[in-house]
Amino acid sequence: MYFRLAGCRIGRDVWIVAATILDPHLVSIGDGTVIGGEVVLVPHIAGGTEVIFGSIRIGKDCRIGAHSVICAGVTIGDGASVGIRAFLRKGTTVPPGAHVAAIGGMAPRDVVGLEKGRRNRS
């Protein structure tokens, strides 16, 4: 309820387990999504002398694993899942229905592809 009062757009049947949402007015979460504990949603990036803001959009029926960090400008498609301790950098797009493993478990070329909005399939 706090996040809604702060301007976060949250759909129906959403479960948020002890997440930190900075700048909630820049975050939207679709119906039926589950966000695990200790997840951090950060819709701004401070670098040098500027601060960049970008909305975070999480689709319907998504699963976000515990301890994940989602940065400014990230879009997660409907039905996608993000693994435990994943880190989604600025501007990443996760396609609908895709599964993103924690970055620590991914090959470097897959991480680069993910940052560019592509998902390499093995």
PDB file of N, CA and C in Angstrom:
ATOM      1  N   MET A   1       0.821  -1.193   0.000  1.00  0.00           N
ATOM      2  CA  MET A   1       0.000   0.000   0.000  1.00  0.00           C
ATOM      3  C   MET A   1       0.870   1.263   0.000  1.00  0.00           C
ATOM      4  N   TYR A   2       1.990   1.223   0.733  1.00  0.00           N
ATOM      5  CA  TYR A   2       2.877   2.379   0.771  1.00  0.00           C
ATOM      6  C   TYR A   2       3.355   2.757  -0.622  1.00  0.00           C
ATOM      7  N   PHE A   3       3.773   1.772  -1.414  1.00  0.00           N
ATOM      8  CA  PHE A   3       4.296   2.057  -2.740  1.00  0.00           C
ATOM      9  C   PHE A   3       3.229   2.697  -3.634  1.00  0.00           C
ATOM     10  N   ARG A   4       1.985   2.248  -3.512  1.00  0.00           N
ATOM     11  CA  ARG A   4       0.894   2.854  -4.285  1.00  0.00           C
ATOM     12  C   ARG A   4       0.694   4.308  -3.882  1.00  0.00           C
ATOM     13  N   LEU A   5       0.720   4.564  -2.588  1.00  0.00           N
ATOM     14  CA  LEU A   5       0.568   5.939  -2.105  1.00  0.00           C
ATOM     15  C   LEU A   5       1.707   6.838  -2.592  1.00  0.00           C
ATOM     16  N   ALA A   6       2.876   6.259  -2.808  1.00  0.00           N
ATOM     17  CA  ALA A   6       4.038   7.017  -3.267  1.00  0.00           C
ATOM     18  C   ALA A   6       4.071   7.164  -4.792  1.00  0.00           C
ATOM     19  N   GLY A   7       3.075   6.612  -5.492  1.00  0.00           N
ATOM     20  CA  GLY A   7       2.978   6.807  -6.932  1.00  0.00           C
ATOM     21  C   GLY A   7       3.324   5.611  -7.799  1.00  0.00           C
ATOM     22  N   CYS A   8       3.704   4.491  -7.197  1.00  0.00           N
ATOM     23  CA  CYS A   8       4.027   3.286  -7.965  1.00  0.00           C
ATOM     24  C   CYS A   8       2.732   2.702  -8.543  1.00  0.00           C
ATOM     25  N   ARG A   9       2.764   2.350  -9.822  1.00  0.00           N
ATOM     26  CA  ARG A   9       1.606   1.731 -10.465  1.00  0.00           C
ATOM     27  C   ARG A   9       1.732   0.216 -10.311  1.00  0.00           C
ATOM     28  N   ILE A  10       0.852  -0.341  -9.480  1.00  0.00           N
ATOM     29  CA  ILE A  10       0.914  -1.772  -9.154  1.00  0.00           C
ATOM     30  C   ILE A  10      -0.406  -2.420  -9.531  1.00  0.00           C
ATOM     31  N   GLY A  11      -0.336  -3.515 -10.303  1.00  0.00           N
ATOM     32  CA  GLY A  11      -1.529  -4.234 -10.732  1.00  0.00           C
ATOM     33  C   GLY A  11      -2.142  -5.053  -9.603  1.00  0.00           C
ATOM     34  N   ARG A  12      -3.088  -5.886  -9.975  1.00  0.00           N
ATOM     35  CA  ARG A  12      -3.784  -6.747  -9.013  1.00  0.00           C
ATOM     36  C   ARG A  12      -2.980  -8.003  -8.726  1.00  0.00           C
ATOM     37  N   ASP A  13      -3.175  -8.558  -7.540  1.00  0.00           N
ATOM     38  CA  ASP A  13      -2.561  -9.826  -7.127  1.00  0.00           C
ATOM     39  C   ASP A  13      -1.040  -9.806  -7.233  1.00  0.00           C
ATOM     40  N   VAL A  14      -0.440  -8.686  -6.904  1.00  0.00           N
ATOM     41  CA  VAL A  14       1.014  -8.545  -6.908  1.00  0.00           C
ATOM     42  C   VAL A  14       1.533  -8.822  -5.499  1.00  0.00           C
ATOM     43  N   TRP A  15       2.592  -9.622  -5.416  1.00  0.00           N
ATOM     44  CA  TRP A  15       3.234  -9.917  -4.130  1.00  0.00           C
ATOM     45  C   TRP A  15       4.613  -9.279  -4.125  1.00  0.00           C
ATOM     46  N   ILE A  16       4.846  -8.406  -3.163  1.00  0.00           N
ATOM     47  CA  ILE A  16       6.153  -7.777  -3.003  1.00  0.00           C
ATOM     48  C   ILE A  16       6.666  -8.147  -1.628  1.00  0.00           C
ATOM     49  N   VAL A  17       7.788  -8.868  -1.595  1.00  0.00           N
ATOM     50  CA  VAL A  17       8.347  -9.329  -0.330  1.00  0.00           C
ATOM     51  C   VAL A  17       9.536  -8.442   0.033  1.00  0.00           C
ATOM     52  N   ALA A  18       9.328  -7.478   0.892  1.00  0.00           N
ATOM     53  CA  ALA A  18      10.403  -6.634   1.429  1.00  0.00           C
ATOM     54  C   ALA A  18      11.352  -6.080   0.375  1.00  0.00           C
ATOM     55  N   ALA A  19      10.810  -5.432  -0.632  1.00  0.00           N
ATOM     56  CA  ALA A  19      11.636  -4.828  -1.684  1.00  0.00           C
ATOM     57  C   ALA A  19      11.889  -3.359  -1.376  1.00  0.00           C
ATOM     58  N   THR A  20      12.938  -2.815  -1.981  1.00  0.00           N
ATOM     59  CA  THR A  20      13.219  -1.387  -1.901  1.00  0.00           C
ATOM     60  C   THR A  20      12.933  -0.804  -3.274  1.00  0.00           C
ATOM     61  N   ILE A  21      12.014   0.153  -3.317  1.00  0.00           N
ATOM     62  CA  ILE A  21      11.675   0.799  -4.576  1.00  0.00           C
ATOM     63  C   ILE A  21      11.992   2.280  -4.425  1.00  0.00           C
ATOM     64  N   LEU A  22      13.059   2.716  -5.092  1.00  0.00           N
ATOM     65  CA  LEU A  22      13.419   4.125  -5.087  1.00  0.00           C
ATOM     66  C   LEU A  22      12.636   4.819  -6.197  1.00  0.00           C
ATOM     67  N   ASP A  23      12.239   6.059  -5.987  1.00  0.00           N
ATOM     68  CA  ASP A  23      11.453   6.808  -6.981  1.00  0.00           C
ATOM     69  C   ASP A  23      10.253   5.995  -7.463  1.00  0.00           C
ATOM     70  N   PRO A  24       9.349   5.600  -6.553  1.00  0.00           N
ATOM     71  CA  PRO A  24       8.254   4.701  -6.937  1.00  0.00           C
ATOM     72  C   PRO A  24       7.357   5.242  -8.049  1.00  0.00           C
ATOM     73  N   HIS A  25       7.310   6.565  -8.233  1.00  0.00           N
ATOM     74  CA  HIS A  25       6.465   7.127  -9.290  1.00  0.00           C
ATOM     75  C   HIS A  25       6.985   6.773 -10.692  1.00  0.00           C
ATOM     76  N   LEU A  26       8.192   6.217 -10.787  1.00  0.00           N
ATOM     77  CA  LEU A  26       8.762   5.804 -12.082  1.00  0.00           C
ATOM     78  C   LEU A  26       8.695   4.300 -12.302  1.00  0.00           C
ATOM     79  N   VAL A  27       7.955   3.587 -11.446  1.00  0.00           N
ATOM     80  CA  VAL A  27       7.904   2.118 -11.515  1.00  0.00           C
ATOM     81  C   VAL A  27       6.473   1.657 -11.772  1.00  0.00           C
ATOM     82  N   SER A  28       6.322   0.698 -12.692  1.00  0.00           N
ATOM     83  CA  SER A  28       5.017   0.064 -12.889  1.00  0.00           C
ATOM     84  C   SER A  28       5.202  -1.459 -12.872  1.00  0.00           C
ATOM     85  N   ILE A  29       4.267  -2.123 -12.194  1.00  0.00           N
ATOM     86  CA  ILE A  29       4.323  -3.575 -12.006  1.00  0.00           C
ATOM     87  C   ILE A  29       2.978  -4.156 -12.428  1.00  0.00           C
ATOM     88  N   GLY A  30       3.006  -5.129 -13.352  1.00  0.00           N
ATOM     89  CA  GLY A  30       1.788  -5.717 -13.886  1.00  0.00           C
ATOM     90  C   GLY A  30       1.122  -6.720 -12.958  1.00  0.00           C
ATOM     91  N   ASP A  31      -0.107  -7.070 -13.293  1.00  0.00           N
ATOM     92  CA  ASP A  31      -0.919  -8.017 -12.518  1.00  0.00           C
ATOM     93  C   ASP A  31      -0.204  -9.352 -12.322  1.00  0.00           C
ATOM     94  N   GLY A  32      -0.380  -9.951 -11.149  1.00  0.00           N
ATOM     95  CA  GLY A  32       0.089 -11.304 -10.884  1.00  0.00           C
ATOM     96  C   GLY A  32       1.591 -11.472 -10.742  1.00  0.00           C
ATOM     97  N   THR A  33       2.336 -10.387 -10.623  1.00  0.00           N
ATOM     98  CA  THR A  33       3.791 -10.459 -10.520  1.00  0.00           C
ATOM     99  C   THR A  33       4.213 -10.724  -9.076  1.00  0.00           C
ATOM    100  N   VAL A  34       5.297 -11.473  -8.910  1.00  0.00           N
ATOM    101  CA  VAL A  34       5.859 -11.750  -7.582  1.00  0.00           C
ATOM    102  C   VAL A  34       7.284 -11.209  -7.551  1.00  0.00           C
ATOM    103  N   ILE A  35       7.569 -10.370  -6.547  1.00  0.00           N
ATOM    104  CA  ILE A  35       8.900  -9.788  -6.382  1.00  0.00           C
ATOM    105  C   ILE A  35       9.470 -10.293  -5.066  1.00  0.00           C
ATOM    106  N   GLY A  36      10.582 -11.006  -5.151  1.00  0.00           N
ATOM    107  CA  GLY A  36      11.201 -11.632  -3.983  1.00  0.00           C
ATOM    108  C   GLY A  36      11.807 -10.638  -3.000  1.00  0.00           C
ATOM    109  N   GLY A  37      12.241 -11.158  -1.875  1.00  0.00           N
ATOM    110  CA  GLY A  37      12.813 -10.345  -0.814  1.00  0.00           C
ATOM    111  C   GLY A  37      14.117  -9.674  -1.191  1.00  0.00           C
ATOM    112  N   GLU A  38      14.326  -8.494  -0.643  1.00  0.00           N
ATOM    113  CA  GLU A  38      15.574  -7.740  -0.804  1.00  0.00           C
ATOM    114  C   GLU A  38      15.836  -7.307  -2.240  1.00  0.00           C
ATOM    115  N   VAL A  39      14.816  -7.289  -3.093  1.00  0.00           N
ATOM    116  CA  VAL A  39      14.969  -6.772  -4.459  1.00  0.00           C
ATOM    117  C   VAL A  39      15.060  -5.252  -4.379  1.00  0.00           C
ATOM    118  N   VAL A  40      15.905  -4.665  -5.245  1.00  0.00           N
ATOM    119  CA  VAL A  40      16.054  -3.213  -5.280  1.00  0.00           C
ATOM    120  C   VAL A  40      15.729  -2.733  -6.692  1.00  0.00           C
ATOM    121  N   LEU A  41      14.755  -1.809  -6.789  1.00  0.00           N
ATOM    122  CA  LEU A  41      14.385  -1.192  -8.059  1.00  0.00           C
ATOM    123  C   LEU A  41      14.888   0.248  -8.015  1.00  0.00           C
ATOM    124  N   VAL A  42      15.814   0.585  -8.926  1.00  0.00           N
ATOM    125  CA  VAL A  42      16.489   1.888  -8.899  1.00  0.00           C
ATOM    126  C   VAL A  42      16.275   2.607 -10.232  1.00  0.00           C
ATOM    127  N   PRO A  43      15.238   3.463 -10.342  1.00  0.00           N
ATOM    128  CA  PRO A  43      14.983   4.129 -11.611  1.00  0.00           C
ATOM    129  C   PRO A  43      15.815   5.391 -11.859  1.00  0.00           C
ATOM    130  N   HIS A  44      16.922   5.540 -11.193  1.00  0.00           N
ATOM    131  CA  HIS A  44      17.825   6.657 -11.478  1.00  0.00           C
ATOM    132  C   HIS A  44      19.273   6.185 -11.377  1.00  0.00           C
ATOM    133  N   ILE A  45      20.130   6.868 -12.129  1.00  0.00           N
ATOM    134  CA  ILE A  45      21.555   6.544 -12.117  1.00  0.00           C
ATOM    135  C   ILE A  45      22.314   7.853 -11.951  1.00  0.00           C
ATOM    136  N   ALA A  46      23.168   7.908 -10.955  1.00  0.00           N
ATOM    137  CA  ALA A  46      24.001   9.087 -10.740  1.00  0.00           C
ATOM    138  C   ALA A  46      25.384   8.792 -11.291  1.00  0.00           C
ATOM    139  N   GLY A  47      25.831   9.653 -12.187  1.00  0.00           N
ATOM    140  CA  GLY A  47      27.148   9.453 -12.768  1.00  0.00           C
ATOM    141  C   GLY A  47      27.791  10.787 -13.087  1.00  0.00           C
ATOM    142  N   GLY A  48      28.931  11.028 -12.510  1.00  0.00           N
ATOM    143  CA  GLY A  48      29.606  12.296 -12.751  1.00  0.00           C
ATOM    144  C   GLY A  48      28.794  13.448 -12.195  1.00  0.00           C
ATOM    145  N   THR A  49      28.430  14.381 -13.069  1.00  0.00           N
ATOM    146  CA  THR A  49      27.677  15.555 -12.629  1.00  0.00           C
ATOM    147  C   THR A  49      26.203  15.480 -12.988  1.00  0.00           C
ATOM    148  N   GLU A  50      25.744  14.330 -13.490  1.00  0.00           N
ATOM    149  CA  GLU A  50      24.346  14.234 -13.894  1.00  0.00           C
ATOM    150  C   GLU A  50      23.642  13.042 -13.270  1.00  0.00           C
ATOM    151  N   VAL A  51      22.320  13.159 -13.198  1.00  0.00           N
ATOM    152  CA  VAL A  51      21.482  12.062 -12.733  1.00  0.00           C
ATOM    153  C   VAL A  51      20.529  11.731 -13.875  1.00  0.00           C
ATOM    154  N   ILE A  52      20.500  10.457 -14.255  1.00  0.00           N
ATOM    155  CA  ILE A  52      19.647  10.003 -15.349  1.00  0.00           C
ATOM    156  C   ILE A  52      18.478   9.227 -14.758  1.00  0.00           C
ATOM    157  N   PHE A  53      17.264   9.593 -15.148  1.00  0.00           N
ATOM    158  CA  PHE A  53      16.069   8.903 -14.701  1.00  0.00           C
ATOM    159  C   PHE A  53      15.509   8.074 -15.841  1.00  0.00           C
ATOM    160  N   GLY A  54      14.982   6.906 -15.527  1.00  0.00           N
ATOM    161  CA  GLY A  54      14.357   6.046 -16.522  1.00  0.00           C
ATOM    162  C   GLY A  54      13.356   5.138 -15.838  1.00  0.00           C
ATOM    163  N   SER A  55      12.175   5.033 -16.408  1.00  0.00           N
ATOM    164  CA  SER A  55      11.150   4.215 -15.763  1.00  0.00           C
ATOM    165  C   SER A  55      11.503   2.733 -15.820  1.00  0.00           C
ATOM    166  N   ILE A  56      10.979   2.006 -14.857  1.00  0.00           N
ATOM    167  CA  ILE A  56      11.117   0.549 -14.809  1.00  0.00           C
ATOM    168  C   ILE A  56       9.729  -0.026 -15.032  1.00  0.00           C
ATOM    169  N   ARG A  57       9.626  -0.908 -16.029  1.00  0.00           N
ATOM    170  CA  ARG A  57       8.339  -1.520 -16.344  1.00  0.00           C
ATOM    171  C   ARG A  57       8.463  -3.033 -16.213  1.00  0.00           C
ATOM    172  N   ILE A  58       7.675  -3.582 -15.297  1.00  0.00           N
ATOM    173  CA  ILE A  58       7.637  -5.034 -15.091  1.00  0.00           C
ATOM    174  C   ILE A  58       6.253  -5.498 -15.533  1.00  0.00           C
ATOM    175  N   GLY A  59       6.209  -6.443 -16.466  1.00  0.00           N
ATOM    176  CA  GLY A  59       4.947  -6.897 -17.044  1.00  0.00           C
ATOM    177  C   GLY A  59       4.108  -7.762 -16.116  1.00  0.00           C
ATOM    178  N   LYS A  60       3.092  -8.356 -16.689  1.00  0.00           N
ATOM    179  CA  LYS A  60       2.175  -9.232 -15.954  1.00  0.00           C
ATOM    180  C   LYS A  60       2.806 -10.603 -15.735  1.00  0.00           C
ATOM    181  N   ASP A  61       2.467 -11.225 -14.614  1.00  0.00           N
ATOM    182  CA  ASP A  61       2.867 -12.605 -14.292  1.00  0.00           C
ATOM    183  C   ASP A  61       4.374 -12.840 -14.352  1.00  0.00           C
ATOM    184  N   CYS A  62       5.138 -11.867 -13.915  1.00  0.00           N
ATOM    185  CA  CYS A  62       6.603 -11.993 -13.870  1.00  0.00           C
ATOM    186  C   CYS A  62       7.044 -12.502 -12.505  1.00  0.00           C
ATOM    187  N   ARG A  63       8.235 -13.054 -12.457  1.00  0.00           N
ATOM    188  CA  ARG A  63       8.850 -13.513 -11.208  1.00  0.00           C
ATOM    189  C   ARG A  63      10.227 -12.870 -11.110  1.00  0.00           C
ATOM    190  N   ILE A  64      10.445 -12.139 -10.027  1.00  0.00           N
ATOM    191  CA  ILE A  64      11.728 -11.474  -9.805  1.00  0.00           C
ATOM    192  C   ILE A  64      12.356 -12.112  -8.579  1.00  0.00           C
ATOM    193  N   GLY A  65      13.515 -12.746  -8.743  1.00  0.00           N
ATOM    194  CA  GLY A  65      14.183 -13.468  -7.668  1.00  0.00           C
ATOM    195  C   GLY A  65      14.749 -12.549  -6.599  1.00  0.00           C
ATOM    196  N   ALA A  66      14.894 -13.093  -5.414  1.00  0.00           N
ATOM    197  CA  ALA A  66      15.405 -12.351  -4.259  1.00  0.00           C
ATOM    198  C   ALA A  66      16.788 -11.770  -4.540  1.00  0.00           C
ATOM    199  N   HIS A  67      17.071 -10.643  -3.932  1.00  0.00           N
ATOM    200  CA  HIS A  67      18.368  -9.960  -3.997  1.00  0.00           C
ATOM    201  C   HIS A  67      18.729  -9.461  -5.393  1.00  0.00           C
ATOM    202  N   SER A  68      17.760  -9.359  -6.289  1.00  0.00           N
ATOM    203  CA  SER A  68      18.033  -8.833  -7.630  1.00  0.00           C
ATOM    204  C   SER A  68      18.057  -7.308  -7.593  1.00  0.00           C
ATOM    205  N   VAL A  69      18.771  -6.715  -8.544  1.00  0.00           N
ATOM    206  CA  VAL A  69      18.824  -5.259  -8.686  1.00  0.00           C
ATOM    207  C   VAL A  69      18.394  -4.926 -10.107  1.00  0.00           C
ATOM    208  N   ILE A  70      17.405  -4.040 -10.222  1.00  0.00           N
ATOM    209  CA  ILE A  70      16.888  -3.639 -11.524  1.00  0.00           C
ATOM    210  C   ILE A  70      17.063  -2.130 -11.642  1.00  0.00           C
ATOM    211  N   CYS A  71      17.804  -1.714 -12.671  1.00  0.00           N
ATOM    212  CA  CYS A  71      18.180  -0.307 -12.829  1.00  0.00           C
ATOM    213  C   CYS A  71      17.245   0.448 -13.775  1.00  0.00           C
ATOM    214  N   ALA A  72      17.524   1.742 -13.927  1.00  0.00           N
ATOM    215  CA  ALA A  72      16.718   2.659 -14.738  1.00  0.00           C
ATOM    216  C   ALA A  72      16.544   2.169 -16.169  1.00  0.00           C
ATOM    217  N   GLY A  73      15.341   2.379 -16.701  1.00  0.00           N
ATOM    218  CA  GLY A  73      15.085   2.086 -18.101  1.00  0.00           C
ATOM    219  C   GLY A  73      14.892   0.629 -18.441  1.00  0.00           C
ATOM    220  N   VAL A  74      14.781  -0.241 -17.450  1.00  0.00           N
ATOM    221  CA  VAL A  74      14.611  -1.677 -17.706  1.00  0.00           C
ATOM    222  C   VAL A  74      13.142  -1.985 -17.975  1.00  0.00           C
ATOM    223  N   THR A  75      12.917  -2.838 -18.971  1.00  0.00           N
ATOM    224  CA  THR A  75      11.578  -3.331 -19.280  1.00  0.00           C
ATOM    225  C   THR A  75      11.618  -4.850 -19.229  1.00  0.00           C
ATOM    226  N   ILE A  76      10.714  -5.434 -18.465  1.00  0.00           N
ATOM    227  CA  ILE A  76      10.613  -6.885 -18.341  1.00  0.00           C
ATOM    228  C   ILE A  76       9.259  -7.292 -18.911  1.00  0.00           C
ATOM    229  N   GLY A  77       9.277  -8.110 -19.953  1.00  0.00           N
ATOM    230  CA  GLY A  77       8.057  -8.513 -20.646  1.00  0.00           C
ATOM    231  C   GLY A  77       7.177  -9.445 -19.823  1.00  0.00           C
ATOM    232  N   ASP A  78       5.929  -9.559 -20.223  1.00  0.00           N
ATOM    233  CA  ASP A  78       4.956 -10.419 -19.548  1.00  0.00           C
ATOM    234  C   ASP A  78       5.461 -11.850 -19.432  1.00  0.00           C
ATOM    235  N   GLY A  79       5.277 -12.448 -18.267  1.00  0.00           N
ATOM    236  CA  GLY A  79       5.616 -13.854 -18.057  1.00  0.00           C
ATOM    237  C   GLY A  79       7.098 -14.142 -17.935  1.00  0.00           C
ATOM    238  N   ALA A  80       7.938 -13.123 -17.916  1.00  0.00           N
ATOM    239  CA  ALA A  80       9.391 -13.346 -17.803  1.00  0.00           C
ATOM    240  C   ALA A  80       9.771 -13.600 -16.343  1.00  0.00           C
ATOM    241  N   SER A  81      10.916 -14.241 -16.162  1.00  0.00           N
ATOM    242  CA  SER A  81      11.420 -14.447 -14.803  1.00  0.00           C
ATOM    243  C   SER A  81      12.879 -14.031 -14.737  1.00  0.00           C
ATOM    244  N   VAL A  82      13.226 -13.457 -13.604  1.00  0.00           N
ATOM    245  CA  VAL A  82      14.586 -12.973 -13.355  1.00  0.00           C
ATOM    246  C   VAL A  82      15.105 -13.759 -12.161  1.00  0.00           C
ATOM    247  N   GLY A  83      16.235 -14.432 -12.323  1.00  0.00           N
ATOM    248  CA  GLY A  83      16.782 -15.301 -11.292  1.00  0.00           C
ATOM    249  C   GLY A  83      17.270 -14.565 -10.054  1.00  0.00           C
ATOM    250  N   ILE A  84      17.512 -15.328  -9.017  1.00  0.00           N
ATOM    251  CA  ILE A  84      18.008 -14.795  -7.749  1.00  0.00           C
ATOM    252  C   ILE A  84      19.342 -14.088  -7.974  1.00  0.00           C
ATOM    253  N   ARG A  85      19.484 -12.920  -7.380  1.00  0.00           N
ATOM    254  CA  ARG A  85      20.702 -12.090  -7.432  1.00  0.00           C
ATOM    255  C   ARG A  85      21.092 -11.630  -8.830  1.00  0.00           C
ATOM    256  N   ALA A  86      20.120 -11.509  -9.706  1.00  0.00           N
ATOM    257  CA  ALA A  86      20.407 -10.983 -11.049  1.00  0.00           C
ATOM    258  C   ALA A  86      20.599  -9.470 -10.965  1.00  0.00           C
ATOM    259  N   PHE A  87      21.338  -8.925 -11.921  1.00  0.00           N
ATOM    260  CA  PHE A  87      21.572  -7.491 -12.005  1.00  0.00           C
ATOM    261  C   PHE A  87      21.243  -7.053 -13.423  1.00  0.00           C
ATOM    262  N   LEU A  88      20.174  -6.274 -13.582  1.00  0.00           N
ATOM    263  CA  LEU A  88      19.765  -5.799 -14.903  1.00  0.00           C
ATOM    264  C   LEU A  88      20.151  -4.338 -15.027  1.00  0.00           C
ATOM    265  N   ARG A  89      21.103  -4.072 -15.914  1.00  0.00           N
ATOM    266  CA  ARG A  89      21.657  -2.733 -16.090  1.00  0.00           C
ATOM    267  C   ARG A  89      20.723  -1.813 -16.862  1.00  0.00           C
ATOM    268  N   LYS A  90      21.061  -0.545 -16.864  1.00  0.00           N
ATOM    269  CA  LYS A  90      20.293   0.513 -17.518  1.00  0.00           C
ATOM    270  C   LYS A  90      19.882   0.115 -18.937  1.00  0.00           C
ATOM    271  N   GLY A  91      18.584   0.264 -19.205  1.00  0.00           N
ATOM    272  CA  GLY A  91      18.072   0.062 -20.552  1.00  0.00           C
ATOM    273  C   GLY A  91      17.888  -1.374 -21.008  1.00  0.00           C
ATOM    274  N   THR A  92      18.104  -2.351 -20.151  1.00  0.00           N
ATOM    275  CA  THR A  92      17.944  -3.757 -20.527  1.00  0.00           C
ATOM    276  C   THR A  92      16.480  -4.064 -20.833  1.00  0.00           C
ATOM    277  N   THR A  93      16.256  -4.863 -21.870  1.00  0.00           N
ATOM    278  CA  THR A  93      14.912  -5.331 -22.189  1.00  0.00           C
ATOM    279  C   THR A  93      14.906  -6.848 -22.105  1.00  0.00           C
ATOM    280  N   VAL A  94      14.028  -7.373 -21.268  1.00  0.00           N
ATOM    281  CA  VAL A  94      13.865  -8.820 -21.146  1.00  0.00           C
ATOM    282  C   VAL A  94      12.605  -9.183 -21.928  1.00  0.00           C
ATOM    283  N   PRO A  95      12.724 -10.018 -22.955  1.00  0.00           N
ATOM    284  CA  PRO A  95      11.557 -10.356 -23.789  1.00  0.00           C
ATOM    285  C   PRO A  95      10.489 -11.113 -22.994  1.00  0.00           C
ATOM    286  N   PRO A  96       9.232 -11.033 -23.425  1.00  0.00           N
ATOM    287  CA  PRO A  96       8.161 -11.779 -22.760  1.00  0.00           C
ATOM    288  C   PRO A  96       8.484 -13.274 -22.697  1.00  0.00           C
ATOM    289  N   GLY A  97       8.249 -13.875 -21.550  1.00  0.00           N
ATOM    290  CA  GLY A  97       8.459 -15.306 -21.362  1.00  0.00           C
ATOM    291  C   GLY A  97       9.900 -15.746 -21.181  1.00  0.00           C
ATOM    292  N   ALA A  98      10.842 -14.816 -21.234  1.00  0.00           N
ATOM    293  CA  ALA A  98      12.264 -15.170 -21.112  1.00  0.00           C
ATOM    294  C   ALA A  98      12.637 -15.420 -19.654  1.00  0.00           C
ATOM    295  N   HIS A  99      13.735 -16.153 -19.467  1.00  0.00           N
ATOM    296  CA  HIS A  99      14.281 -16.375 -18.134  1.00  0.00           C
ATOM    297  C   HIS A  99      15.701 -15.825 -18.110  1.00  0.00           C
ATOM    298  N   VAL A 100      15.969 -14.959 -17.156  1.00  0.00           N
ATOM    299  CA  VAL A 100      17.305 -14.385 -17.009  1.00  0.00           C
ATOM    300  C   VAL A 100      17.927 -14.963 -15.743  1.00  0.00           C
ATOM    301  N   ALA A 101      19.041 -15.645 -15.917  1.00  0.00           N
ATOM    302  CA  ALA A 101      19.764 -16.191 -14.765  1.00  0.00           C
ATOM    303  C   ALA A 101      20.573 -15.072 -14.132  1.00  0.00           C
ATOM    304  N   ALA A 102      21.054 -15.299 -12.934  1.00  0.00           N
ATOM    305  CA  ALA A 102      21.917 -14.320 -12.281  1.00  0.00           C
ATOM    306  C   ALA A 102      23.132 -14.075 -13.157  1.00  0.00           C
ATOM    307  N   ILE A 103      23.548 -12.822 -13.259  1.00  0.00           N
ATOM    308  CA  ILE A 103      24.677 -12.457 -14.108  1.00  0.00           C
ATOM    309  C   ILE A 103      25.921 -13.261 -13.755  1.00  0.00           C
ATOM    310  N   GLY A 104      26.134 -13.541 -12.480  1.00  0.00           N
ATOM    311  CA  GLY A 104      27.311 -14.288 -12.054  1.00  0.00           C
ATOM    312  C   GLY A 104      27.400 -15.667 -12.684  1.00  0.00           C
ATOM    313  N   GLY A 105      26.269 -16.217 -13.116  1.00  0.00           N
ATOM    314  CA  GLY A 105      26.262 -17.544 -13.706  1.00  0.00           C
ATOM    315  C   GLY A 105      26.231 -17.532 -15.225  1.00  0.00           C
ATOM    316  N   MET A 106      26.332 -16.353 -15.832  1.00  0.00           N
ATOM    317  CA  MET A 106      26.238 -16.256 -17.282  1.00  0.00           C
ATOM    318  C   MET A 106      27.612 -16.098 -17.920  1.00  0.00           C
ATOM    319  N   ALA A 107      27.734 -16.591 -19.149  1.00  0.00           N
ATOM    320  CA  ALA A 107      28.957 -16.376 -19.921  1.00  0.00           C
ATOM    321  C   ALA A 107      29.042 -14.892 -20.287  1.00  0.00           C
ATOM    322  N   PRO A 108      30.255 -14.341 -20.364  1.00  0.00           N
ATOM    323  CA  PRO A 108      30.399 -12.912 -20.665  1.00  0.00           C
ATOM    324  C   PRO A 108      29.685 -12.465 -21.943  1.00  0.00           C
ATOM    325  N   ARG A 109      29.710 -13.280 -22.990  1.00  0.00           N
ATOM    326  CA  ARG A 109      29.038 -12.874 -24.232  1.00  0.00           C
ATOM    327  C   ARG A 109      27.528 -12.782 -24.033  1.00  0.00           C
ATOM    328  N   ASP A 110      26.975 -13.643 -23.158  1.00  0.00           N
ATOM    329  CA  ASP A 110      25.546 -13.584 -22.871  1.00  0.00           C
ATOM    330  C   ASP A 110      25.196 -12.331 -22.087  1.00  0.00           C
ATOM    331  N   VAL A 111      26.070 -11.928 -21.168  1.00  0.00           N
ATOM    332  CA  VAL A 111      25.842 -10.709 -20.394  1.00  0.00           C
ATOM    333  C   VAL A 111      25.828  -9.507 -21.333  1.00  0.00           C
ATOM    334  N   VAL A 112      26.785  -9.440 -22.240  1.00  0.00           N
ATOM    335  CA  VAL A 112      26.843  -8.333 -23.199  1.00  0.00           C
ATOM    336  C   VAL A 112      25.590  -8.328 -24.067  1.00  0.00           C
ATOM    337  N   GLY A 113      25.173  -9.505 -24.525  1.00  0.00           N
ATOM    338  CA  GLY A 113      23.959  -9.598 -25.333  1.00  0.00           C
ATOM    339  C   GLY A 113      22.736  -9.139 -24.566  1.00  0.00           C
ATOM    340  N   LEU A 114      22.643  -9.511 -23.320  1.00  0.00           N
ATOM    341  CA  LEU A 114      21.520  -9.118 -22.484  1.00  0.00           C
ATOM    342  C   LEU A 114      21.494  -7.607 -22.311  1.00  0.00           C
ATOM    343  N   GLU A 115      22.663  -7.013 -22.087  1.00  0.00           N
ATOM    344  CA  GLU A 115      22.738  -5.561 -21.940  1.00  0.00           C
ATOM    345  C   GLU A 115      22.292  -4.850 -23.213  1.00  0.00           C
ATOM    346  N   LYS A 116      22.491  -5.484 -24.352  1.00  0.00           N
ATOM    347  CA  LYS A 116      22.087  -4.888 -25.627  1.00  0.00           C
ATOM    348  C   LYS A 116      20.655  -5.259 -25.994  1.00  0.00           C
ATOM    349  N   GLY A 117      19.955  -5.947 -25.093  1.00  0.00           N
ATOM    350  CA  GLY A 117      18.564  -6.294 -25.342  1.00  0.00           C
ATOM    351  C   GLY A 117      18.373  -7.583 -26.092  1.00  0.00           C
ATOM    352  N   ARG A 118      19.427  -8.407 -26.215  1.00  0.00           N
ATOM    353  CA  ARG A 118      19.320  -9.703 -26.894  1.00  0.00           C
ATOM    354  C   ARG A 118      19.517 -10.804 -25.873  1.00  0.00           C
ATOM    355  N   ARG A 119      18.927 -11.931 -26.156  1.00  0.00           N
ATOM    356  CA  ARG A 119      19.117 -13.091 -25.284  1.00  0.00           C
ATOM    357  C   ARG A 119      19.664 -14.214 -26.120  1.00  0.00           C
ATOM    358  N   ASN A 120      20.874 -14.660 -25.829  1.00  0.00           N
ATOM    359  CA  ASN A 120      21.479 -15.785 -26.557  1.00  0.00           C
ATOM    360  C   ASN A 120      20.934 -17.079 -25.988  1.00  0.00           C
ATOM    361  N   ARG A 121      20.510 -17.959 -26.855  1.00  0.00           N
ATOM    362  CA  ARG A 121      19.993 -19.265 -26.406  1.00  0.00           C
ATOM    363  C   ARG A 121      21.025 -20.326 -26.707  1.00  0.00           C
ATOM    364  N   SER A 122      21.242 -21.202 -25.739  1.00  0.00           N
ATOM    365  CA  SER A 122      22.215 -22.291 -25.935  1.00  0.00           C
ATOM    366  C   SER A 122      21.527 -23.504 -26.495  1.00  0.00           C
TER     367      SER A 122
END
